[in-house]
């Protein structure tokens, strides 16, 4: 997802876990996308459902 964000020329940020809990250090836990045009972000994220 992060690579697709960069390829599309959108602003994105990948968060890697510090490993202070059960998740191993360096595990990608979230990718933030934006700010950017809603239509372009929706093209990348429309396959995901909200939880």
N, C-alpha and C. Protein backbone atom coordinates (compact mmCIF):
# COMPACT_ATOMS: atom_id res chain seq x y z
N UNK A 1 0.82 -1.19 0.00
CA UNK A 1 0.00 0.00 0.00
C UNK A 1 0.87 1.26 0.00
N UNK A 2 1.92 1.28 0.81
CA UNK A 2 2.76 2.47 0.89
C UNK A 2 3.45 2.73 -0.44
N UNK A 3 3.92 1.67 -1.09
CA UNK A 3 4.55 1.82 -2.40
C UNK A 3 3.59 2.36 -3.44
N UNK A 4 2.37 1.90 -3.41
CA UNK A 4 1.35 2.41 -4.35
C UNK A 4 1.07 3.88 -4.08
N UNK A 5 1.07 4.26 -2.81
CA UNK A 5 0.85 5.65 -2.44
C UNK A 5 1.94 6.53 -3.03
N UNK A 6 3.19 6.10 -2.88
CA UNK A 6 4.31 6.87 -3.42
C UNK A 6 4.26 6.91 -4.94
N UNK A 7 3.95 5.79 -5.57
CA UNK A 7 3.87 5.74 -7.03
C UNK A 7 2.81 6.68 -7.58
N UNK A 8 1.74 6.86 -6.81
CA UNK A 8 0.66 7.75 -7.24
C UNK A 8 0.99 9.22 -6.97
N UNK A 9 2.12 9.47 -6.32
CA UNK A 9 2.51 10.85 -6.02
C UNK A 9 1.77 11.44 -4.84
N UNK A 10 1.20 10.58 -3.99
CA UNK A 10 0.47 11.06 -2.82
C UNK A 10 1.38 11.08 -1.59
N UNK A 11 1.01 11.87 -0.62
CA UNK A 11 1.73 11.93 0.65
C UNK A 11 1.33 10.71 1.48
N UNK A 12 2.31 10.03 2.03
CA UNK A 12 2.01 8.88 2.87
C UNK A 12 3.06 8.71 3.94
N UNK A 13 2.69 7.99 4.99
CA UNK A 13 3.61 7.73 6.09
C UNK A 13 3.39 6.32 6.60
N UNK A 14 4.48 5.56 6.73
CA UNK A 14 4.41 4.19 7.21
C UNK A 14 4.85 4.17 8.68
N UNK A 15 4.01 3.60 9.54
CA UNK A 15 4.32 3.51 10.96
C UNK A 15 4.82 2.10 11.26
N UNK A 16 6.00 2.02 11.85
CA UNK A 16 6.58 0.74 12.26
C UNK A 16 6.56 0.66 13.79
N UNK A 17 6.11 -0.48 14.28
CA UNK A 17 6.00 -0.67 15.73
C UNK A 17 7.38 -0.67 16.39
N UNK A 18 7.45 -0.09 17.57
CA UNK A 18 8.71 -0.02 18.31
C UNK A 18 9.03 -1.33 19.04
N UNK A 19 8.06 -2.21 19.14
CA UNK A 19 8.29 -3.51 19.77
C UNK A 19 8.18 -3.51 21.28
N UNK A 20 7.48 -2.55 21.84
CA UNK A 20 7.33 -2.48 23.29
C UNK A 20 6.19 -3.36 23.81
N UNK A 21 5.43 -3.98 22.89
CA UNK A 21 4.32 -4.86 23.30
C UNK A 21 4.52 -6.22 22.66
N UNK A 22 3.45 -6.88 22.27
CA UNK A 22 3.53 -8.22 21.69
C UNK A 22 3.93 -8.20 20.22
N UNK A 23 3.81 -7.08 19.58
CA UNK A 23 4.12 -6.97 18.15
C UNK A 23 5.64 -6.86 17.99
N UNK A 24 6.23 -7.65 17.10
CA UNK A 24 7.68 -7.60 16.92
C UNK A 24 8.15 -6.22 16.43
N UNK A 25 9.33 -5.78 16.87
CA UNK A 25 9.87 -4.49 16.43
C UNK A 25 9.97 -4.42 14.91
N UNK A 26 9.62 -3.28 14.37
CA UNK A 26 9.71 -3.06 12.93
C UNK A 26 8.49 -3.47 12.14
N UNK A 27 7.50 -4.08 12.79
CA UNK A 27 6.28 -4.48 12.11
C UNK A 27 5.50 -3.24 11.66
N UNK A 28 5.12 -3.21 10.38
CA UNK A 28 4.31 -2.10 9.89
C UNK A 28 2.90 -2.28 10.45
N UNK A 29 2.42 -1.26 11.16
CA UNK A 29 1.11 -1.36 11.80
C UNK A 29 0.06 -0.49 11.13
N UNK A 30 0.47 0.55 10.43
CA UNK A 30 -0.50 1.42 9.77
C UNK A 30 0.22 2.24 8.70
N UNK A 31 -0.54 2.59 7.66
CA UNK A 31 -0.06 3.52 6.64
C UNK A 31 -1.05 4.67 6.58
N UNK A 32 -0.56 5.87 6.78
CA UNK A 32 -1.39 7.06 6.66
C UNK A 32 -1.25 7.62 5.26
N UNK A 33 -2.35 8.03 4.67
CA UNK A 33 -2.34 8.59 3.32
C UNK A 33 -3.03 9.94 3.34
N UNK A 34 -2.35 10.96 2.81
CA UNK A 34 -2.94 12.28 2.70
C UNK A 34 -2.11 13.30 3.44
N UNK A 35 -2.43 14.53 3.29
CA UNK A 35 -3.58 15.04 2.56
C UNK A 35 -3.40 14.86 1.06
N UNK A 36 -4.51 14.83 0.38
CA UNK A 36 -4.51 14.68 -1.07
C UNK A 36 -5.93 14.66 -1.59
N UNK A 37 -6.06 14.66 -2.91
CA UNK A 37 -7.40 14.62 -3.50
C UNK A 37 -8.14 13.34 -3.12
N UNK A 38 -9.34 13.48 -2.63
CA UNK A 38 -10.14 12.34 -2.17
C UNK A 38 -10.27 11.27 -3.25
N UNK A 39 -10.47 11.68 -4.48
CA UNK A 39 -10.66 10.72 -5.56
C UNK A 39 -9.42 9.84 -5.74
N UNK A 40 -8.24 10.43 -5.65
CA UNK A 40 -7.00 9.67 -5.82
C UNK A 40 -6.76 8.72 -4.64
N UNK A 41 -7.06 9.18 -3.44
CA UNK A 41 -6.91 8.32 -2.27
C UNK A 41 -7.93 7.18 -2.33
N UNK A 42 -9.16 7.48 -2.72
CA UNK A 42 -10.20 6.45 -2.82
C UNK A 42 -9.83 5.37 -3.83
N UNK A 43 -9.13 5.73 -4.91
CA UNK A 43 -8.70 4.74 -5.89
C UNK A 43 -7.80 3.69 -5.25
N UNK A 44 -6.97 4.12 -4.31
CA UNK A 44 -6.05 3.19 -3.65
C UNK A 44 -6.69 2.42 -2.51
N UNK A 45 -7.67 3.00 -1.87
CA UNK A 45 -8.20 2.41 -0.64
C UNK A 45 -9.59 1.80 -0.76
N UNK A 46 -10.22 1.89 -1.90
CA UNK A 46 -11.62 1.46 -2.03
C UNK A 46 -11.81 -0.04 -1.80
N UNK A 47 -10.77 -0.84 -1.94
CA UNK A 47 -10.90 -2.28 -1.73
C UNK A 47 -10.94 -2.65 -0.25
N UNK A 48 -10.60 -1.72 0.63
CA UNK A 48 -10.57 -1.99 2.06
C UNK A 48 -11.89 -1.57 2.71
N UNK A 49 -12.33 -2.35 3.69
CA UNK A 49 -13.54 -1.98 4.41
C UNK A 49 -13.16 -1.25 5.70
N UNK A 50 -14.06 -0.42 6.17
CA UNK A 50 -13.85 0.27 7.44
C UNK A 50 -14.10 -0.70 8.58
N UNK A 51 -13.30 -0.60 9.61
CA UNK A 51 -13.49 -1.49 10.77
C UNK A 51 -13.78 -0.69 12.01
